Structures are given as C-alpha cells and as structure tokens.
Amino acid sequence: MIRTRRGLVAAIVTLAGLTLAGVMFFAGRQPSAQLNEELAAQVTMILERASTGEHHAHGHHFESDVVCAVEPFGTEPADASSLVEVKWVYARHLCAITGESSEWPVSVRASGPIAVRLGIPPLIKVPEAGAGYPERVRRLIPPRYHEEAFAGFSDDAAIEAAKQRFAQATPAR
C-alpha cells in the first residue's frame, strides 16, 4: 500500500509540474498585454503622424489629419516579448479623416489589416482595396495570422479612444 501511495503522490506531483510547465510555456508564447499596448501606441503614432504624401502612397487621398484605432494581432518575430525585439507589427486599423466631417459616424474612414515595419523610418504596408483584396492581404500577412487579419476588432476600447480624439481634433461646425 505504501508503494501505491508513493507512486500516486509522485504521479500527481509530476502531472502538476508538467501542467505548470505547459501553462508557463503557453503564456510565454503569447504576446503580453503590455507589449500589445505598446505596439498599438507605436503604430497609432506612426499612422497619425504620416505625411499626406505617405497616405497618398497607400491610396488615401486627403489633406486633413487622421485619427486611428489600432489593435495588433501579431509580430515578427512571432516570439518577441519586448518592443525592441519587434521588427514587424501586424494589426487591424481604423483611421478617420478629421477635415471632412465633425461627426465620427459620417466621417471618411479606412480600415483593415496592415503591416508596419518598426524602424527609422517606419514602413507601412496596406493591401490595395478592390478586386483581389483577400489575396493581397494573404500575401502581406504571414499565414499564421490569416484568421486574425480578417477578423474585426476584439475590443471596442481602441475605437472609443479614437472617437474621443476625433471629437477633440475636429473643429465644431
């Protein structure tokens, strides 16, 4: 009976250890909430500070400022754990042009998945709209992130923050 109890205890301890190791491994592979917040802030700043010429290069023609919401869903390298390790950010974005309308619901907006290379200067890649768009997204975004690339925002907080900044940036008419 003693051998059985010792064996049972050893099995439970081993199983608990393996479970903990698995949880720690999985948690270590997931981007931290803090890293996602830092990436969102960085990409938002890059998009909002882009020149009109840079926006025109992406097919967006306007002369006003933009306000953006950004939600990262992947990085390159995939196992990056800090902002300095990240070379590319894959994110969904929603940007509104401030000069066209003072109200968010009727503002001119652009949205979808983007790839942003962090660096000096940063590089923003936006799949061209129109026929063949899904294939252009698949060429831009690594296969491991395809499902996320076509998903909507998972949290409205970024959009709500952008709406507030939009209201502050747009002069009352």
N, C-alpha and C. Protein backbone atom coordinates (compact mmCIF):
# COMPACT_ATOMS: atom_id res chain seq x y z
N MET A 1 0.81 -1.20 0.00
CA MET A 1 0.00 0.00 0.00
C MET A 1 0.86 1.26 0.00
N ILE A 2 2.00 1.22 0.70
CA ILE A 2 2.87 2.38 0.75
C ILE A 2 3.41 2.68 -0.64
N ARG A 3 3.80 1.67 -1.39
CA ARG A 3 4.30 1.88 -2.74
C ARG A 3 3.24 2.54 -3.62
N THR A 4 2.02 2.15 -3.45
CA THR A 4 0.93 2.71 -4.25
C THR A 4 0.73 4.18 -3.92
N ARG A 5 0.75 4.51 -2.64
CA ARG A 5 0.57 5.92 -2.25
C ARG A 5 1.74 6.76 -2.73
N ARG A 6 2.95 6.26 -2.56
CA ARG A 6 4.13 7.00 -3.04
C ARG A 6 4.06 7.17 -4.55
N GLY A 7 3.68 6.14 -5.23
CA GLY A 7 3.54 6.21 -6.68
C GLY A 7 2.46 7.19 -7.09
N LEU A 8 1.36 7.20 -6.36
CA LEU A 8 0.28 8.13 -6.66
C LEU A 8 0.71 9.56 -6.41
N VAL A 9 1.38 9.78 -5.28
CA VAL A 9 1.87 11.12 -4.96
C VAL A 9 2.89 11.56 -6.01
N ALA A 10 3.79 10.69 -6.38
CA ALA A 10 4.79 11.02 -7.41
C ALA A 10 4.11 11.35 -8.74
N ALA A 11 3.10 10.58 -9.11
CA ALA A 11 2.37 10.83 -10.35
C ALA A 11 1.65 12.18 -10.30
N ILE A 12 1.03 12.50 -9.16
CA ILE A 12 0.32 13.77 -9.02
C ILE A 12 1.30 14.94 -9.10
N VAL A 13 2.43 14.81 -8.39
CA VAL A 13 3.44 15.88 -8.41
C VAL A 13 3.98 16.05 -9.83
N THR A 14 4.26 14.95 -10.51
CA THR A 14 4.77 15.02 -11.88
C THR A 14 3.74 15.66 -12.81
N LEU A 15 2.48 15.23 -12.70
CA LEU A 15 1.42 15.80 -13.53
C LEU A 15 1.25 17.28 -13.27
N ALA A 16 1.27 17.68 -11.99
CA ALA A 16 1.15 19.09 -11.65
C ALA A 16 2.32 19.89 -12.22
N GLY A 17 3.51 19.33 -12.14
CA GLY A 17 4.69 20.01 -12.69
C GLY A 17 4.61 20.17 -14.20
N LEU A 18 4.18 19.14 -14.87
CA LEU A 18 4.03 19.20 -16.33
C LEU A 18 2.96 20.21 -16.73
N THR A 19 1.86 20.22 -15.98
CA THR A 19 0.78 21.18 -16.26
C THR A 19 1.29 22.60 -16.10
N LEU A 20 1.99 22.86 -15.00
CA LEU A 20 2.54 24.19 -14.77
C LEU A 20 3.54 24.58 -15.85
N ALA A 21 4.39 23.65 -16.25
CA ALA A 21 5.36 23.93 -17.31
C ALA A 21 4.65 24.25 -18.62
N GLY A 22 3.59 23.51 -18.92
CA GLY A 22 2.82 23.77 -20.14
C GLY A 22 2.16 25.13 -20.12
N VAL A 23 1.57 25.48 -18.99
CA VAL A 23 0.93 26.79 -18.85
C VAL A 23 1.96 27.90 -19.01
N MET A 24 3.12 27.75 -18.37
CA MET A 24 4.16 28.76 -18.46
C MET A 24 4.69 28.88 -19.90
N PHE A 25 4.85 27.75 -20.58
CA PHE A 25 5.31 27.77 -21.96
C PHE A 25 4.30 28.49 -22.84
N PHE A 26 3.02 28.14 -22.68
CA PHE A 26 1.97 28.77 -23.48
C PHE A 26 1.89 30.26 -23.18
N ALA A 27 1.94 30.63 -21.92
CA ALA A 27 1.87 32.05 -21.53
C ALA A 27 3.07 32.81 -22.08
N GLY A 28 4.23 32.17 -22.09
CA GLY A 28 5.42 32.81 -22.62
C GLY A 28 5.37 33.03 -24.11
N ARG A 29 4.58 32.25 -24.82
CA ARG A 29 4.46 32.37 -26.27
C ARG A 29 3.42 33.40 -26.68
N GLN A 30 2.57 33.81 -25.74
CA GLN A 30 1.53 34.77 -26.05
C GLN A 30 2.05 36.19 -25.87
N PRO A 31 1.72 37.11 -26.77
CA PRO A 31 2.15 38.48 -26.56
C PRO A 31 1.51 39.02 -25.28
N SER A 32 2.30 39.72 -24.52
CA SER A 32 1.78 40.25 -23.27
C SER A 32 0.84 41.41 -23.56
N ALA A 33 -0.06 41.66 -22.63
CA ALA A 33 -0.99 42.78 -22.78
C ALA A 33 -0.19 44.08 -22.87
N GLN A 34 0.88 44.18 -22.08
CA GLN A 34 1.69 45.40 -22.11
C GLN A 34 2.35 45.58 -23.47
N LEU A 35 2.89 44.50 -24.04
CA LEU A 35 3.51 44.61 -25.36
C LEU A 35 2.48 45.02 -26.40
N ASN A 36 1.29 44.43 -26.35
CA ASN A 36 0.24 44.82 -27.30
C ASN A 36 -0.13 46.29 -27.16
N GLU A 37 -0.20 46.79 -25.93
CA GLU A 37 -0.49 48.21 -25.71
C GLU A 37 0.61 49.09 -26.29
N GLU A 38 1.87 48.69 -26.07
CA GLU A 38 2.99 49.46 -26.60
C GLU A 38 2.99 49.44 -28.13
N LEU A 39 2.71 48.29 -28.71
CA LEU A 39 2.66 48.19 -30.18
C LEU A 39 1.51 49.02 -30.73
N ALA A 40 0.36 48.96 -30.09
CA ALA A 40 -0.80 49.75 -30.54
C ALA A 40 -0.47 51.24 -30.50
N ALA A 41 0.15 51.69 -29.42
CA ALA A 41 0.52 53.10 -29.30
C ALA A 41 1.53 53.49 -30.37
N GLN A 42 2.51 52.64 -30.60
CA GLN A 42 3.56 52.93 -31.59
C GLN A 42 2.97 53.01 -33.00
N VAL A 43 2.15 52.03 -33.37
CA VAL A 43 1.57 52.02 -34.72
C VAL A 43 0.57 53.16 -34.88
N THR A 44 -0.20 53.46 -33.85
CA THR A 44 -1.13 54.60 -33.91
C THR A 44 -0.36 55.88 -34.18
N MET A 45 0.74 56.09 -33.45
CA MET A 45 1.55 57.29 -33.65
C MET A 45 2.11 57.33 -35.07
N ILE A 46 2.59 56.21 -35.57
CA ILE A 46 3.14 56.16 -36.93
C ILE A 46 2.07 56.53 -37.95
N LEU A 47 0.88 55.97 -37.81
CA LEU A 47 -0.20 56.26 -38.76
C LEU A 47 -0.66 57.71 -38.68
N GLU A 48 -0.82 58.20 -37.47
CA GLU A 48 -1.34 59.56 -37.31
C GLU A 48 -0.33 60.64 -37.67
N ARG A 49 0.95 60.31 -37.61
CA ARG A 49 1.99 61.29 -37.95
C ARG A 49 2.48 61.15 -39.39
N ALA A 50 1.94 60.20 -40.13
CA ALA A 50 2.34 60.03 -41.52
C ALA A 50 1.98 61.27 -42.33
N SER A 51 2.83 61.62 -43.26
CA SER A 51 2.57 62.79 -44.10
C SER A 51 1.44 62.49 -45.08
N THR A 52 0.88 63.53 -45.65
CA THR A 52 -0.16 63.31 -46.66
C THR A 52 0.41 62.55 -47.85
N GLY A 53 1.68 62.77 -48.18
CA GLY A 53 2.32 62.03 -49.27
C GLY A 53 2.39 60.54 -48.97
N GLU A 54 2.69 60.20 -47.71
CA GLU A 54 2.73 58.79 -47.33
C GLU A 54 1.34 58.17 -47.41
N HIS A 55 0.33 58.92 -46.99
CA HIS A 55 -1.04 58.42 -47.10
C HIS A 55 -1.45 58.26 -48.57
N HIS A 56 -1.04 59.20 -49.41
CA HIS A 56 -1.36 59.11 -50.83
C HIS A 56 -0.73 57.85 -51.44
N ALA A 57 0.47 57.49 -50.98
CA ALA A 57 1.14 56.29 -51.49
C ALA A 57 0.35 55.03 -51.18
N HIS A 58 -0.50 55.08 -50.17
CA HIS A 58 -1.33 53.93 -49.80
C HIS A 58 -2.72 54.01 -50.42
N GLY A 59 -2.94 55.00 -51.30
CA GLY A 59 -4.22 55.12 -51.97
C GLY A 59 -5.22 55.96 -51.20
N HIS A 60 -4.78 56.67 -50.16
CA HIS A 60 -5.68 57.52 -49.37
C HIS A 60 -5.38 58.97 -49.73
N HIS A 61 -6.34 59.63 -50.37
CA HIS A 61 -6.12 61.00 -50.84
C HIS A 61 -6.96 61.97 -50.04
N PHE A 62 -6.28 62.75 -49.20
CA PHE A 62 -6.92 63.77 -48.39
C PHE A 62 -5.85 64.73 -47.90
N GLU A 63 -6.25 65.85 -47.40
CA GLU A 63 -5.31 66.85 -46.91
C GLU A 63 -5.48 67.13 -45.43
N SER A 64 -6.29 66.37 -44.73
CA SER A 64 -6.58 66.59 -43.32
C SER A 64 -5.77 65.65 -42.45
N ASP A 65 -5.90 65.84 -41.15
CA ASP A 65 -5.28 64.93 -40.19
C ASP A 65 -6.11 63.66 -40.08
N VAL A 66 -5.50 62.62 -39.52
CA VAL A 66 -6.22 61.38 -39.29
C VAL A 66 -6.13 61.01 -37.82
N VAL A 67 -7.13 60.29 -37.37
CA VAL A 67 -7.17 59.73 -36.02
C VAL A 67 -7.39 58.24 -36.20
N CYS A 68 -6.57 57.43 -35.52
CA CYS A 68 -6.61 55.99 -35.76
C CYS A 68 -6.81 55.16 -34.49
N ALA A 69 -7.44 54.03 -34.68
CA ALA A 69 -7.52 52.97 -33.68
C ALA A 69 -6.72 51.81 -34.23
N VAL A 70 -5.92 51.18 -33.38
CA VAL A 70 -5.05 50.09 -33.81
C VAL A 70 -5.14 48.95 -32.81
N GLU A 71 -5.25 47.72 -33.33
CA GLU A 71 -5.24 46.53 -32.48
C GLU A 71 -4.29 45.51 -33.09
N PRO A 72 -3.08 45.37 -32.50
CA PRO A 72 -2.13 44.38 -33.02
C PRO A 72 -2.64 42.96 -32.85
N PHE A 73 -2.29 42.10 -33.82
CA PHE A 73 -2.64 40.68 -33.69
C PHE A 73 -1.45 39.77 -33.96
N GLY A 74 -0.29 40.34 -34.27
CA GLY A 74 0.88 39.52 -34.49
C GLY A 74 2.14 40.34 -34.67
N THR A 75 3.27 39.66 -34.55
CA THR A 75 4.56 40.32 -34.70
C THR A 75 5.52 39.42 -35.46
N GLU A 76 6.57 40.03 -35.92
CA GLU A 76 7.71 39.31 -36.47
C GLU A 76 8.93 39.86 -35.77
N PRO A 77 9.67 39.08 -35.05
CA PRO A 77 9.48 37.65 -34.86
C PRO A 77 8.24 37.35 -34.00
N ALA A 78 7.68 36.18 -34.23
CA ALA A 78 6.43 35.81 -33.56
C ALA A 78 6.59 35.68 -32.06
N ASP A 79 7.80 35.37 -31.59
CA ASP A 79 8.00 35.18 -30.16
C ASP A 79 8.59 36.41 -29.46
N ALA A 80 8.52 37.57 -30.10
CA ALA A 80 9.03 38.79 -29.49
C ALA A 80 8.32 39.04 -28.17
N SER A 81 9.08 39.46 -27.17
CA SER A 81 8.48 39.72 -25.86
C SER A 81 8.65 41.16 -25.42
N SER A 82 9.36 41.96 -26.23
CA SER A 82 9.50 43.38 -25.91
C SER A 82 9.48 44.19 -27.20
N LEU A 83 9.19 45.46 -27.06
CA LEU A 83 9.06 46.34 -28.22
C LEU A 83 10.35 46.38 -29.04
N VAL A 84 11.50 46.35 -28.39
CA VAL A 84 12.76 46.43 -29.13
C VAL A 84 13.05 45.20 -29.97
N GLU A 85 12.41 44.08 -29.66
CA GLU A 85 12.60 42.86 -30.43
C GLU A 85 11.74 42.83 -31.69
N VAL A 86 10.67 43.61 -31.73
CA VAL A 86 9.70 43.55 -32.82
C VAL A 86 10.22 44.27 -34.06
N LYS A 87 10.21 43.55 -35.17
CA LYS A 87 10.60 44.13 -36.47
C LYS A 87 9.36 44.55 -37.26
N TRP A 88 8.34 43.70 -37.26
CA TRP A 88 7.08 43.96 -37.97
C TRP A 88 5.92 43.79 -37.00
N VAL A 89 4.92 44.63 -37.16
CA VAL A 89 3.67 44.53 -36.40
C VAL A 89 2.56 44.28 -37.42
N TYR A 90 1.72 43.29 -37.14
CA TYR A 90 0.54 43.03 -37.96
C TYR A 90 -0.65 43.45 -37.11
N ALA A 91 -1.49 44.31 -37.66
CA ALA A 91 -2.57 44.88 -36.86
C ALA A 91 -3.77 45.19 -37.73
N ARG A 92 -4.91 45.31 -37.07
CA ARG A 92 -6.08 45.86 -37.75
C ARG A 92 -6.12 47.33 -37.36
N HIS A 93 -6.54 48.15 -38.30
CA HIS A 93 -6.60 49.59 -38.02
C HIS A 93 -7.92 50.16 -38.52
N LEU A 94 -8.27 51.29 -37.94
CA LEU A 94 -9.42 52.07 -38.38
C LEU A 94 -9.01 53.52 -38.23
N CYS A 95 -8.89 54.22 -39.35
CA CYS A 95 -8.50 55.63 -39.32
C CYS A 95 -9.61 56.48 -39.90
N ALA A 96 -9.86 57.62 -39.26
CA ALA A 96 -10.88 58.57 -39.71
C ALA A 96 -10.20 59.88 -40.07
N ILE A 97 -10.68 60.51 -41.14
CA ILE A 97 -10.13 61.78 -41.60
C ILE A 97 -10.89 62.90 -40.89
N THR A 98 -10.14 63.80 -40.25
CA THR A 98 -10.78 64.82 -39.41
C THR A 98 -11.41 65.98 -40.17
N GLY A 99 -10.94 66.29 -41.34
CA GLY A 99 -11.40 67.50 -42.02
C GLY A 99 -12.70 67.39 -42.78
N GLU A 100 -13.15 66.18 -43.06
CA GLU A 100 -14.33 66.01 -43.90
C GLU A 100 -15.64 66.19 -43.15
N SER A 101 -15.70 65.75 -41.91
CA SER A 101 -16.91 65.84 -41.13
C SER A 101 -16.54 65.97 -39.66
N SER A 102 -17.36 66.68 -38.91
CA SER A 102 -17.10 66.83 -37.48
C SER A 102 -17.73 65.70 -36.67
N GLU A 103 -18.43 64.78 -37.34
CA GLU A 103 -19.09 63.69 -36.63
C GLU A 103 -18.49 62.35 -37.07
N TRP A 104 -18.10 61.54 -36.09
CA TRP A 104 -17.49 60.24 -36.36
C TRP A 104 -18.34 59.35 -37.26
N PRO A 105 -19.65 59.22 -37.02
CA PRO A 105 -20.44 58.28 -37.83
C PRO A 105 -20.45 58.59 -39.33
N VAL A 106 -20.24 59.84 -39.71
CA VAL A 106 -20.27 60.17 -41.13
C VAL A 106 -18.89 60.58 -41.66
N SER A 107 -17.86 60.36 -40.86
CA SER A 107 -16.50 60.69 -41.29
C SER A 107 -16.02 59.70 -42.34
N VAL A 108 -15.06 60.13 -43.14
CA VAL A 108 -14.43 59.26 -44.12
C VAL A 108 -13.41 58.42 -43.36
N ARG A 109 -13.51 57.10 -43.54
CA ARG A 109 -12.63 56.19 -42.78
C ARG A 109 -12.01 55.15 -43.69
N ALA A 110 -10.88 54.62 -43.23
CA ALA A 110 -10.21 53.50 -43.89
C ALA A 110 -9.92 52.47 -42.80
N SER A 111 -10.06 51.20 -43.14
CA SER A 111 -9.81 50.17 -42.13
C SER A 111 -9.34 48.89 -42.79
N GLY A 112 -8.82 48.01 -41.95
CA GLY A 112 -8.38 46.70 -42.42
C GLY A 112 -7.05 46.32 -41.82
N PRO A 113 -6.53 45.19 -42.26
CA PRO A 113 -5.23 44.75 -41.75
C PRO A 113 -4.09 45.53 -42.40
N ILE A 114 -3.04 45.75 -41.62
CA ILE A 114 -1.85 46.42 -42.12
C ILE A 114 -0.61 45.71 -41.57
N ALA A 115 0.51 45.96 -42.21
CA ALA A 115 1.81 45.50 -41.72
C ALA A 115 2.66 46.75 -41.56
N VAL A 116 3.30 46.88 -40.41
CA VAL A 116 4.13 48.05 -40.15
C VAL A 116 5.51 47.58 -39.70
N ARG A 117 6.52 47.99 -40.45
CA ARG A 117 7.90 47.71 -40.04
C ARG A 117 8.33 48.83 -39.10
N LEU A 118 8.72 48.46 -37.90
CA LEU A 118 9.20 49.44 -36.95
C LEU A 118 10.66 49.72 -37.28
N GLY A 119 11.02 50.94 -37.30
CA GLY A 119 12.38 51.32 -37.62
C GLY A 119 12.41 52.78 -38.00
N ILE A 120 13.57 53.22 -38.46
CA ILE A 120 13.71 54.61 -38.87
C ILE A 120 14.12 54.62 -40.33
N PRO A 121 13.28 55.04 -41.22
CA PRO A 121 11.87 55.38 -40.99
C PRO A 121 11.01 54.12 -40.94
N PRO A 122 9.85 54.24 -40.31
CA PRO A 122 8.94 53.09 -40.32
C PRO A 122 8.37 52.90 -41.72
N LEU A 123 7.88 51.70 -41.98
CA LEU A 123 7.29 51.39 -43.28
C LEU A 123 5.90 50.82 -43.04
N ILE A 124 4.91 51.40 -43.69
CA ILE A 124 3.52 50.96 -43.56
C ILE A 124 3.12 50.29 -44.86
N LYS A 125 2.61 49.08 -44.76
CA LYS A 125 2.10 48.37 -45.94
C LYS A 125 0.62 48.13 -45.75
N VAL A 126 -0.15 48.59 -46.73
CA VAL A 126 -1.61 48.46 -46.71
C VAL A 126 -2.03 47.72 -47.98
N PRO A 127 -2.78 46.63 -47.85
CA PRO A 127 -3.23 45.95 -49.07
C PRO A 127 -4.18 46.85 -49.86
N GLU A 128 -3.97 46.90 -51.15
CA GLU A 128 -4.81 47.73 -52.01
C GLU A 128 -6.24 47.21 -52.03
N ALA A 129 -7.19 48.13 -51.95
CA ALA A 129 -8.61 47.77 -51.98
C ALA A 129 -9.01 47.31 -53.38
N GLY A 130 -10.17 46.70 -53.48
CA GLY A 130 -10.71 46.31 -54.77
C GLY A 130 -10.66 44.81 -55.00
N ALA A 131 -10.94 44.43 -56.23
CA ALA A 131 -10.95 43.00 -56.59
C ALA A 131 -9.60 42.38 -56.25
N GLY A 132 -9.62 41.21 -55.65
CA GLY A 132 -8.39 40.52 -55.28
C GLY A 132 -7.86 40.90 -53.91
N TYR A 133 -8.62 41.73 -53.17
CA TYR A 133 -8.18 42.20 -51.85
C TYR A 133 -7.81 41.07 -50.90
N PRO A 134 -8.65 40.04 -50.74
CA PRO A 134 -8.28 38.96 -49.79
C PRO A 134 -6.93 38.32 -50.12
N GLU A 135 -6.64 38.13 -51.39
CA GLU A 135 -5.35 37.53 -51.77
C GLU A 135 -4.19 38.48 -51.44
N ARG A 136 -4.39 39.78 -51.63
CA ARG A 136 -3.34 40.74 -51.29
C ARG A 136 -3.09 40.76 -49.78
N VAL A 137 -4.15 40.59 -48.99
CA VAL A 137 -4.00 40.50 -47.54
C VAL A 137 -3.18 39.26 -47.20
N ARG A 138 -3.49 38.14 -47.81
CA ARG A 138 -2.78 36.88 -47.54
C ARG A 138 -1.30 36.97 -47.92
N ARG A 139 -0.99 37.75 -48.96
CA ARG A 139 0.42 37.93 -49.34
C ARG A 139 1.15 38.83 -48.35
N LEU A 140 0.44 39.77 -47.76
CA LEU A 140 1.04 40.73 -46.83
C LEU A 140 1.22 40.17 -45.43
N ILE A 141 0.26 39.40 -44.96
CA ILE A 141 0.24 38.90 -43.59
C ILE A 141 0.70 37.44 -43.58
N PRO A 142 1.60 37.06 -42.66
CA PRO A 142 2.03 35.65 -42.59
C PRO A 142 0.85 34.70 -42.36
N PRO A 143 0.91 33.50 -42.91
CA PRO A 143 -0.20 32.55 -42.80
C PRO A 143 -0.69 32.30 -41.37
N ARG A 144 0.21 32.31 -40.39
CA ARG A 144 -0.21 32.04 -39.01
C ARG A 144 -1.17 33.10 -38.48
N TYR A 145 -1.26 34.26 -39.16
CA TYR A 145 -2.14 35.34 -38.71
C TYR A 145 -3.31 35.60 -39.66
N HIS A 146 -3.52 34.75 -40.66
CA HIS A 146 -4.58 35.00 -41.64
C HIS A 146 -5.96 35.12 -41.00
N GLU A 147 -6.29 34.23 -40.08
CA GLU A 147 -7.61 34.30 -39.45
C GLU A 147 -7.79 35.64 -38.74
N GLU A 148 -6.78 36.08 -38.00
CA GLU A 148 -6.85 37.36 -37.29
C GLU A 148 -6.93 38.53 -38.27
N ALA A 149 -6.26 38.42 -39.41
CA ALA A 149 -6.23 39.51 -40.38
C ALA A 149 -7.63 39.85 -40.90
N PHE A 150 -8.48 38.85 -40.96
CA PHE A 150 -9.83 39.08 -41.48
C PHE A 150 -10.87 39.26 -40.38
N ALA A 151 -10.44 39.25 -39.13
CA ALA A 151 -11.36 39.44 -38.01
C ALA A 151 -11.53 40.93 -37.72
N GLY A 152 -12.60 41.25 -37.02
CA GLY A 152 -12.82 42.62 -36.58
C GLY A 152 -12.10 42.90 -35.28
N PHE A 153 -12.21 44.11 -34.80
CA PHE A 153 -11.62 44.48 -33.52
C PHE A 153 -12.23 43.60 -32.43
N SER A 154 -11.39 43.09 -31.55
CA SER A 154 -11.89 42.23 -30.47
C SER A 154 -12.31 43.04 -29.26
N ASP A 155 -11.90 44.31 -29.20
CA ASP A 155 -12.21 45.17 -28.07
C ASP A 155 -12.52 46.56 -28.62
N ASP A 156 -13.62 47.15 -28.19
CA ASP A 156 -14.01 48.47 -28.68
C ASP A 156 -13.25 49.61 -28.02
N ALA A 157 -12.38 49.32 -27.05
CA ALA A 157 -11.68 50.38 -26.31
C ALA A 157 -10.84 51.26 -27.24
N ALA A 158 -10.12 50.66 -28.17
CA ALA A 158 -9.28 51.44 -29.09
C ALA A 158 -10.14 52.33 -29.98
N ILE A 159 -11.26 51.82 -30.43
CA ILE A 159 -12.15 52.61 -31.29
C ILE A 159 -12.78 53.74 -30.48
N GLU A 160 -13.19 53.47 -29.26
CA GLU A 160 -13.78 54.52 -28.42
C GLU A 160 -12.76 55.62 -28.14
N ALA A 161 -11.51 55.26 -27.88
CA ALA A 161 -10.46 56.25 -27.65
C ALA A 161 -10.24 57.09 -28.91
N ALA A 162 -10.27 56.44 -30.08
CA ALA A 162 -10.11 57.17 -31.34
C ALA A 162 -11.28 58.13 -31.55
N LYS A 163 -12.49 57.71 -31.23
CA LYS A 163 -13.66 58.59 -31.37
C LYS A 163 -13.50 59.83 -30.50
N GLN A 164 -12.99 59.67 -29.30
CA GLN A 164 -12.79 60.82 -28.40
C GLN A 164 -11.72 61.75 -28.96
N ARG A 165 -10.61 61.19 -29.46
CA ARG A 165 -9.56 62.03 -30.05
C ARG A 165 -10.07 62.72 -31.31
N PHE A 166 -10.92 62.03 -32.07
CA PHE A 166 -11.51 62.61 -33.28
C PHE A 166 -12.36 63.83 -32.92
N ALA A 167 -13.20 63.69 -31.89
CA ALA A 167 -14.06 64.79 -31.46
C ALA A 167 -13.22 66.00 -31.02
N GLN A 168 -12.10 65.75 -30.38
CA GLN A 168 -11.22 66.84 -29.93
C GLN A 168 -10.46 67.46 -31.09
N ALA A 169 -10.14 66.67 -32.10
CA ALA A 169 -9.34 67.16 -33.23
C ALA A 169 -10.16 67.87 -34.28
N THR A 170 -11.45 67.61 -34.32
CA THR A 170 -12.31 68.19 -35.35
C THR A 170 -12.96 69.45 -34.82
N PRO A 171 -12.75 70.57 -35.51
CA PRO A 171 -13.39 71.82 -35.07
C PRO A 171 -14.91 71.73 -35.18
N ALA A 172 -15.60 72.30 -34.24
CA ALA A 172 -17.07 72.32 -34.27
C ALA A 172 -17.53 73.18 -35.46
N ARG A 173 -18.58 72.73 -36.10
CA ARG A 173 -19.10 73.49 -37.27
C ARG A 173 -20.43 74.09 -36.93
